[in-house]
Amino acid sequence: MSNNNTIAGWVLAGGIAALGFSIVSSKYFHAGKHERPEVMGYVIEGVETSGGADSGPAIETLLQTADIAAGEKVFGKCAACHTINQGGANGIGPNLWATMGKPHGHVAGFAYSDALKSVPGNWDWTSMDAWLTSPRKYADGTKMTFAGLGKAEDRANLMVYLNAQGSNLPLPAAPAAEEVPAEESDVPAAAEDDVAEDVAPTVAAEGAPAE
């Protein structure tokens, strides 16, 4: 009986010693390492963040120099679901010939979602830009699964290409350039007056006829 107690005691003591060694060693080998915080205090380059506002030029400005040929290449992303030739058949999405300027859900015989048909107005430049940015945000409940085009230049190029396919709407006017405030001019008005007063007597003296 005493031998059994002795063996059990040694086993228990060995287990406690092993556990203590494990704890000490884990702390030793982890001492030089740092945990990644759940909330980063700085932005890691290359990692996408959400909620950023587009600070680039207005879409109306980009449309002035948009490239139809580049827009045709962007349309390649749409070609799996849409045709754009005149009289083309509907596919997963409706035929897009002469879409710009038309009402939402204008293609006869195509089963548009109620979400899109309920959006008022026509496919003008502003509405098409919003749709191409995020179809789901533009018409919550739309059947269109395309996520949208994040680059404003791609949207501008695609819109001028769509417009050239049977619509030919005039481009919207670009936003007017901001005027520079008067106080930011290089030479203050008071300084200009002082220069004029200094120059005037000299010019008069040099131009006077000899007596």
C-alpha atoms as a PDB file:
ATOM      1  CA  MET A   1       0.000   0.000   0.000  1.00  0.00           C
ATOM      2  CA  SER A   2       2.827   2.361   0.893  1.00  0.00           C
ATOM      3  CA  ASN A   3       4.556   1.618  -2.411  1.00  0.00           C
ATOM      4  CA  ASN A   4       1.409   2.619  -4.324  1.00  0.00           C
ATOM      5  CA  ASN A   5       1.180   5.894  -2.421  1.00  0.00           C
ATOM      6  CA  THR A   6       4.818   6.603  -3.096  1.00  0.00           C
ATOM      7  CA  ILE A   7       4.405   5.960  -6.831  1.00  0.00           C
ATOM      8  CA  ALA A   8       1.273   8.151  -6.987  1.00  0.00           C
ATOM      9  CA  GLY A   9       3.124  10.912  -5.182  1.00  0.00           C
ATOM     10  CA  TRP A  10       6.006  10.817  -7.617  1.00  0.00           C
ATOM     11  CA  VAL A  11       3.616  10.846 -10.607  1.00  0.00           C
ATOM     12  CA  LEU A  12       1.759  13.837  -9.189  1.00  0.00           C
ATOM     13  CA  ALA A  13       4.981  15.665  -8.453  1.00  0.00           C
ATOM     14  CA  GLY A  14       6.256  14.964 -11.962  1.00  0.00           C
ATOM     15  CA  GLY A  15       3.045  16.296 -13.497  1.00  0.00           C
ATOM     16  CA  ILE A  16       3.238  19.492 -11.486  1.00  0.00           C
ATOM     17  CA  ALA A  17       6.876  19.959 -12.460  1.00  0.00           C
ATOM     18  CA  ALA A  18       6.108  19.407 -16.151  1.00  0.00           C
ATOM     19  CA  LEU A  19       3.241  21.930 -16.033  1.00  0.00           C
ATOM     20  CA  GLY A  20       5.448  24.518 -14.371  1.00  0.00           C
ATOM     21  CA  PHE A  21       8.210  23.980 -16.929  1.00  0.00           C
ATOM     22  CA  SER A  22       5.717  24.370 -19.771  1.00  0.00           C
ATOM     23  CA  ILE A  23       4.454  27.699 -18.424  1.00  0.00           C
ATOM     24  CA  VAL A  24       7.953  29.076 -17.851  1.00  0.00           C
ATOM     25  CA  SER A  25       9.225  28.010 -21.274  1.00  0.00           C
ATOM     26  CA  SER A  26       6.208  29.466 -23.125  1.00  0.00           C
ATOM     27  CA  LYS A  27       6.768  32.828 -21.468  1.00  0.00           C
ATOM     28  CA  TYR A  28      10.475  32.708 -22.285  1.00  0.00           C
ATOM     29  CA  PHE A  29      10.062  31.947 -25.983  1.00  0.00           C
ATOM     30  CA  HIS A  30       7.151  34.410 -26.393  1.00  0.00           C
ATOM     31  CA  ALA A  31       8.913  37.291 -24.660  1.00  0.00           C
ATOM     32  CA  GLY A  32      10.232  38.943 -27.845  1.00  0.00           C
ATOM     33  CA  LYS A  33       6.998  38.618 -29.827  1.00  0.00           C
ATOM     34  CA  HIS A  34       4.125  41.091 -30.100  1.00  0.00           C
ATOM     35  CA  GLU A  35       0.449  40.379 -30.624  1.00  0.00           C
ATOM     36  CA  ARG A  36      -1.320  42.087 -33.541  1.00  0.00           C
ATOM     37  CA  PRO A  37      -3.930  44.446 -32.047  1.00  0.00           C
ATOM     38  CA  GLU A  38      -7.560  43.961 -33.062  1.00  0.00           C
ATOM     39  CA  VAL A  39      -7.839  47.623 -34.102  1.00  0.00           C
ATOM     40  CA  MET A  40      -4.856  48.915 -36.049  1.00  0.00           C
ATOM     41  CA  GLY A  41      -3.552  52.354 -35.162  1.00  0.00           C
ATOM     42  CA  TYR A  42      -2.298  52.967 -38.701  1.00  0.00           C
ATOM     43  CA  VAL A  43      -3.168  51.979 -42.261  1.00  0.00           C
ATOM     44  CA  ILE A  44      -1.301  49.012 -43.731  1.00  0.00           C
ATOM     45  CA  GLU A  45      -0.374  49.677 -47.357  1.00  0.00           C
ATOM     46  CA  GLY A  46      -2.163  47.359 -49.754  1.00  0.00           C
ATOM     47  CA  VAL A  47      -5.049  46.531 -47.394  1.00  0.00           C
ATOM     48  CA  GLU A  48      -8.434  47.831 -48.506  1.00  0.00           C
ATOM     49  CA  THR A  49     -10.447  50.008 -46.172  1.00  0.00           C
ATOM     50  CA  SER A  50     -14.129  50.816 -46.466  1.00  0.00           C
ATOM     51  CA  GLY A  51     -15.941  54.111 -46.289  1.00  0.00           C
ATOM     52  CA  GLY A  52     -13.352  56.190 -48.145  1.00  0.00           C
ATOM     53  CA  ALA A  53     -14.777  59.060 -50.165  1.00  0.00           C
ATOM     54  CA  ASP A  54     -13.780  59.544 -53.774  1.00  0.00           C
ATOM     55  CA  SER A  55     -11.701  62.734 -53.784  1.00  0.00           C
ATOM     56  CA  GLY A  56     -10.965  62.721 -57.517  1.00  0.00           C
ATOM     57  CA  PRO A  57     -12.416  64.955 -60.248  1.00  0.00           C
ATOM     58  CA  ALA A  58     -16.171  65.126 -60.710  1.00  0.00           C
ATOM     59  CA  ILE A  59     -17.653  62.679 -63.197  1.00  0.00           C
ATOM     60  CA  GLU A  60     -18.768  65.636 -65.349  1.00  0.00           C
ATOM     61  CA  THR A  61     -15.126  66.704 -65.640  1.00  0.00           C
ATOM     62  CA  LEU A  62     -13.945  63.199 -66.540  1.00  0.00           C
ATOM     63  CA  LEU A  63     -16.616  62.881 -69.223  1.00  0.00           C
ATOM     64  CA  GLN A  64     -15.093  65.782 -71.168  1.00  0.00           C
ATOM     65  CA  THR A  65     -11.978  63.715 -71.950  1.00  0.00           C
ATOM     66  CA  ALA A  66     -13.461  60.216 -71.738  1.00  0.00           C
ATOM     67  CA  ASP A  67     -12.334  57.688 -74.361  1.00  0.00           C
ATOM     68  CA  ILE A  68     -14.938  55.695 -76.315  1.00  0.00           C
ATOM     69  CA  ALA A  69     -12.404  53.017 -77.287  1.00  0.00           C
ATOM     70  CA  ALA A  70     -11.423  52.577 -73.642  1.00  0.00           C
ATOM     71  CA  GLY A  71     -15.104  52.398 -72.765  1.00  0.00           C
ATOM     72  CA  GLU A  72     -15.609  49.581 -75.262  1.00  0.00           C
ATOM     73  CA  LYS A  73     -12.907  47.609 -73.436  1.00  0.00           C
ATOM     74  CA  VAL A  74     -14.631  48.244 -70.108  1.00  0.00           C
ATOM     75  CA  PHE A  75     -17.875  47.005 -71.677  1.00  0.00           C
ATOM     76  CA  GLY A  76     -16.174  43.628 -71.973  1.00  0.00           C
ATOM     77  CA  LYS A  77     -17.122  43.160 -68.303  1.00  0.00           C
ATOM     78  CA  CYS A  78     -20.777  43.615 -69.266  1.00  0.00           C
ATOM     79  CA  ALA A  79     -20.804  41.529 -72.439  1.00  0.00           C
ATOM     80  CA  ALA A  80     -21.437  38.264 -70.599  1.00  0.00           C
ATOM     81  CA  CYS A  81     -24.952  39.489 -69.726  1.00  0.00           C
ATOM     82  CA  HIS A  82     -25.747  42.266 -72.222  1.00  0.00           C
ATOM     83  CA  THR A  83     -25.771  42.851 -75.971  1.00  0.00           C
ATOM     84  CA  ILE A  84     -25.471  46.420 -77.237  1.00  0.00           C
ATOM     85  CA  ASN A  85     -26.000  46.162 -80.994  1.00  0.00           C
ATOM     86  CA  GLN A  86     -29.186  47.588 -82.484  1.00  0.00           C
ATOM     87  CA  GLY A  87     -31.894  44.953 -82.385  1.00  0.00           C
ATOM     88  CA  GLY A  88     -29.733  42.648 -80.260  1.00  0.00           C
ATOM     89  CA  ALA A  89     -31.372  39.978 -78.158  1.00  0.00           C
ATOM     90  CA  ASN A  90     -31.837  40.189 -74.433  1.00  0.00           C
ATOM     91  CA  GLY A  91     -29.634  37.923 -72.371  1.00  0.00           C
ATOM     92  CA  ILE A  92     -29.319  37.675 -68.632  1.00  0.00           C
ATOM     93  CA  GLY A  93     -29.621  41.468 -68.848  1.00  0.00           C
ATOM     94  CA  PRO A  94     -31.494  43.609 -71.376  1.00  0.00           C
ATOM     95  CA  ASN A  95     -30.099  44.810 -74.704  1.00  0.00           C
ATOM     96  CA  LEU A  96     -28.426  48.184 -74.106  1.00  0.00           C
ATOM     97  CA  TRP A  97     -28.762  49.850 -77.518  1.00  0.00           C
ATOM     98  CA  ALA A  98     -29.842  53.506 -77.122  1.00  0.00           C
ATOM     99  CA  THR A  99     -30.196  53.137 -73.342  1.00  0.00           C
ATOM    100  CA  MET A 100     -28.909  56.592 -72.359  1.00  0.00           C
ATOM    101  CA  GLY A 101     -31.803  58.992 -71.950  1.00  0.00           C
ATOM    102  CA  LYS A 102     -34.421  56.229 -71.776  1.00  0.00           C
ATOM    103  CA  PRO A 103     -36.586  55.433 -68.725  1.00  0.00           C
ATOM    104  CA  HIS A 104     -35.581  52.695 -66.319  1.00  0.00           C
ATOM    105  CA  GLY A 105     -36.990  49.393 -67.525  1.00  0.00           C
ATOM    106  CA  HIS A 106     -37.636  50.583 -71.081  1.00  0.00           C
ATOM    107  CA  VAL A 107     -36.822  47.388 -73.006  1.00  0.00           C
ATOM    108  CA  ALA A 108     -40.072  45.663 -73.881  1.00  0.00           C
ATOM    109  CA  GLY A 109     -40.304  42.012 -72.940  1.00  0.00           C
ATOM    110  CA  PHE A 110     -37.466  42.009 -70.416  1.00  0.00           C
ATOM    111  CA  ALA A 111     -38.351  41.048 -66.845  1.00  0.00           C
ATOM    112  CA  TYR A 112     -36.823  43.902 -64.854  1.00  0.00           C
ATOM    113  CA  SER A 113     -36.790  43.720 -61.074  1.00  0.00           C
ATOM    114  CA  ASP A 114     -39.440  45.697 -59.256  1.00  0.00           C
ATOM    115  CA  ALA A 115     -36.612  47.497 -57.451  1.00  0.00           C
ATOM    116  CA  LEU A 116     -35.264  48.986 -60.681  1.00  0.00           C
ATOM    117  CA  LYS A 117     -38.667  49.665 -62.231  1.00  0.00           C
ATOM    118  CA  SER A 118     -39.626  51.659 -59.133  1.00  0.00           C
ATOM    119  CA  VAL A 119     -36.696  54.081 -59.526  1.00  0.00           C
ATOM    120  CA  PRO A 120     -38.053  57.314 -61.057  1.00  0.00           C
ATOM    121  CA  GLY A 121     -36.414  59.226 -63.888  1.00  0.00           C
ATOM    122  CA  ASN A 122     -34.326  58.275 -66.890  1.00  0.00           C
ATOM    123  CA  TRP A 123     -30.831  56.947 -67.491  1.00  0.00           C
ATOM    124  CA  ASP A 124     -29.096  60.323 -67.514  1.00  0.00           C
ATOM    125  CA  TRP A 125     -25.396  60.865 -66.779  1.00  0.00           C
ATOM    126  CA  THR A 126     -25.870  61.171 -63.027  1.00  0.00           C
ATOM    127  CA  SER A 127     -28.117  58.145 -62.621  1.00  0.00           C
ATOM    128  CA  MET A 128     -25.950  55.956 -64.862  1.00  0.00           C
ATOM    129  CA  ASP A 129     -22.851  56.938 -62.893  1.00  0.00           C
ATOM    130  CA  ALA A 130     -24.573  55.994 -59.622  1.00  0.00           C
ATOM    131  CA  TRP A 131     -25.811  52.697 -61.119  1.00  0.00           C
ATOM    132  CA  LEU A 132     -22.385  51.737 -62.437  1.00  0.00           C
ATOM    133  CA  THR A 133     -20.805  52.615 -59.091  1.00  0.00           C
ATOM    134  CA  SER A 134     -23.079  50.224 -57.161  1.00  0.00           C
ATOM    135  CA  PRO A 135     -26.213  48.696 -58.685  1.00  0.00           C
ATOM    136  CA  ARG A 136     -27.350  47.403 -55.294  1.00  0.00           C
ATOM    137  CA  LYS A 137     -27.133  50.830 -53.682  1.00  0.00           C
ATOM    138  CA  TYR A 138     -28.881  52.473 -56.625  1.00  0.00           C
ATOM    139  CA  ALA A 139     -31.768  49.982 -56.679  1.00  0.00           C
ATOM    140  CA  ASP A 140     -31.901  47.964 -53.480  1.00  0.00           C
ATOM    141  CA  GLY A 141     -33.235  44.546 -54.447  1.00  0.00           C
ATOM    142  CA  THR A 142     -32.038  44.576 -58.067  1.00  0.00           C
ATOM    143  CA  LYS A 143     -31.425  41.211 -59.717  1.00  0.00           C
ATOM    144  CA  MET A 144     -28.167  42.480 -61.186  1.00  0.00           C
ATOM    145  CA  THR A 145     -25.241  40.818 -59.401  1.00  0.00           C
ATOM    146  CA  PHE A 146     -22.461  43.037 -60.809  1.00  0.00           C
ATOM    147  CA  ALA A 147     -20.591  44.689 -57.915  1.00  0.00           C
ATOM    148  CA  GLY A 148     -19.902  47.956 -59.778  1.00  0.00           C
ATOM    149  CA  LEU A 149     -16.952  49.923 -61.151  1.00  0.00           C
ATOM    150  CA  GLY A 150     -14.836  51.566 -58.474  1.00  0.00           C
ATOM    151  CA  LYS A 151     -12.746  53.745 -60.816  1.00  0.00           C
ATOM    152  CA  ALA A 152     -14.507  56.911 -61.938  1.00  0.00           C
ATOM    153  CA  GLU A 153     -12.404  56.959 -65.148  1.00  0.00           C
ATOM    154  CA  ASP A 154     -13.769  53.529 -66.103  1.00  0.00           C
ATOM    155  CA  ARG A 155     -17.328  54.697 -65.520  1.00  0.00           C
ATOM    156  CA  ALA A 156     -16.804  57.823 -67.602  1.00  0.00           C
ATOM    157  CA  ASN A 157     -15.281  55.841 -70.481  1.00  0.00           C
ATOM    158  CA  LEU A 158     -18.070  53.259 -70.362  1.00  0.00           C
ATOM    159  CA  MET A 159     -20.777  55.926 -70.331  1.00  0.00           C
ATOM    160  CA  VAL A 160     -19.470  57.706 -73.417  1.00  0.00           C
ATOM    161  CA  TYR A 161     -19.302  54.318 -75.165  1.00  0.00           C
ATOM    162  CA  LEU A 162     -22.879  53.508 -74.160  1.00  0.00           C
ATOM    163  CA  ASN A 163     -23.955  56.963 -75.285  1.00  0.00           C
ATOM    164  CA  ALA A 164     -22.350  56.437 -78.699  1.00  0.00           C
ATOM    165  CA  GLN A 165     -24.462  53.320 -79.239  1.00  0.00           C
ATOM    166  CA  GLY A 166     -27.657  54.946 -80.454  1.00  0.00           C
ATOM    167  CA  SER A 167     -28.218  57.636 -77.808  1.00  0.00           C
ATOM    168  CA  ASN A 168     -25.857  60.562 -78.514  1.00  0.00           C
ATOM    169  CA  LEU A 169     -26.893  62.740 -75.584  1.00  0.00           C
ATOM    170  CA  PRO A 170     -24.918  65.973 -75.140  1.00  0.00           C
ATOM    171  CA  LEU A 171     -22.248  65.774 -72.482  1.00  0.00           C
ATOM    172  CA  PRO A 172     -23.024  67.531 -69.199  1.00  0.00           C
ATOM    173  CA  ALA A 173     -21.191  70.759 -68.522  1.00  0.00           C
ATOM    174  CA  ALA A 174     -18.034  70.453 -66.467  1.00  0.00           C
ATOM    175  CA  PRO A 175     -18.090  72.202 -63.060  1.00  0.00           C
ATOM    176  CA  ALA A 176     -16.818  75.766 -63.213  1.00  0.00           C
ATOM    177  CA  ALA A 177     -13.270  76.266 -61.938  1.00  0.00           C
ATOM    178  CA  GLU A 178     -13.064  77.975 -58.568  1.00  0.00           C
ATOM    179  CA  GLU A 179     -11.989  81.632 -58.688  1.00  0.00           C
ATOM    180  CA  VAL A 180      -8.882  82.647 -56.761  1.00  0.00           C
ATOM    181  CA  PRO A 181      -9.811  85.035 -53.900  1.00  0.00           C
ATOM    182  CA  ALA A 182      -8.638  88.625 -54.321  1.00  0.00           C
ATOM    183  CA  GLU A 183      -6.464  88.493 -51.196  1.00  0.00           C
ATOM    184  CA  GLU A 184      -4.440  85.633 -52.745  1.00  0.00           C
ATOM    185  CA  SER A 185      -3.289  87.701 -55.733  1.00  0.00           C
ATOM    186  CA  ASP A 186       0.486  88.118 -56.099  1.00  0.00           C
ATOM    187  CA  VAL A 187       0.574  91.919 -55.802  1.00  0.00           C
ATOM    188  CA  PRO A 188      -1.766  93.701 -53.342  1.00  0.00           C
ATOM    189  CA  ALA A 189      -3.864  96.504 -54.794  1.00  0.00           C
ATOM    190  CA  ALA A 190      -2.243  99.062 -52.491  1.00  0.00           C
ATOM    191  CA  ALA A 191       1.225  98.064 -53.663  1.00  0.00           C
ATOM    192  CA  GLU A 192       0.162  98.441 -57.308  1.00  0.00           C
ATOM    193  CA  ASP A 193      -1.008 102.002 -56.602  1.00  0.00           C
ATOM    194  CA  ASP A 194       2.339 102.825 -54.962  1.00  0.00           C
ATOM    195  CA  VAL A 195       4.260 101.515 -57.971  1.00  0.00           C
ATOM    196  CA  ALA A 196       2.108 103.570 -60.329  1.00  0.00           C
ATOM    197  CA  GLU A 197       2.759 106.753 -58.331  1.00  0.00           C
ATOM    198  CA  ASP A 198       6.537 106.132 -58.372  1.00  0.00           C
ATOM    199  CA  VAL A 199       6.669 105.480 -62.116  1.00  0.00           C
ATOM    200  CA  ALA A 200       4.405 108.322 -63.291  1.00  0.00           C
ATOM    201  CA  PRO A 201       6.735 111.295 -62.482  1.00  0.00           C
ATOM    202  CA  THR A 202       9.675 109.509 -64.094  1.00  0.00           C
ATOM    203  CA  VAL A 203       7.784 108.863 -67.307  1.00  0.00           C
ATOM    204  CA  ALA A 204       6.579 112.453 -67.399  1.00  0.00           C
ATOM    205  CA  ALA A 205      10.122 113.808 -66.963  1.00  0.00           C
ATOM    206  CA  GLU A 206      11.602 111.613 -69.649  1.00  0.00           C
ATOM    207  CA  GLY A 207       8.824 112.484 -72.130  1.00  0.00           C
ATOM    208  CA  ALA A 208       8.994 116.288 -71.605  1.00  0.00           C
ATOM    209  CA  PRO A 209      10.300 118.325 -74.616  1.00  0.00           C
ATOM    210  CA  ALA A 210      13.652 120.105 -74.208  1.00  0.00           C
ATOM    211  CA  GLU A 211      13.382 123.836 -73.435  1.00  0.00           C
END
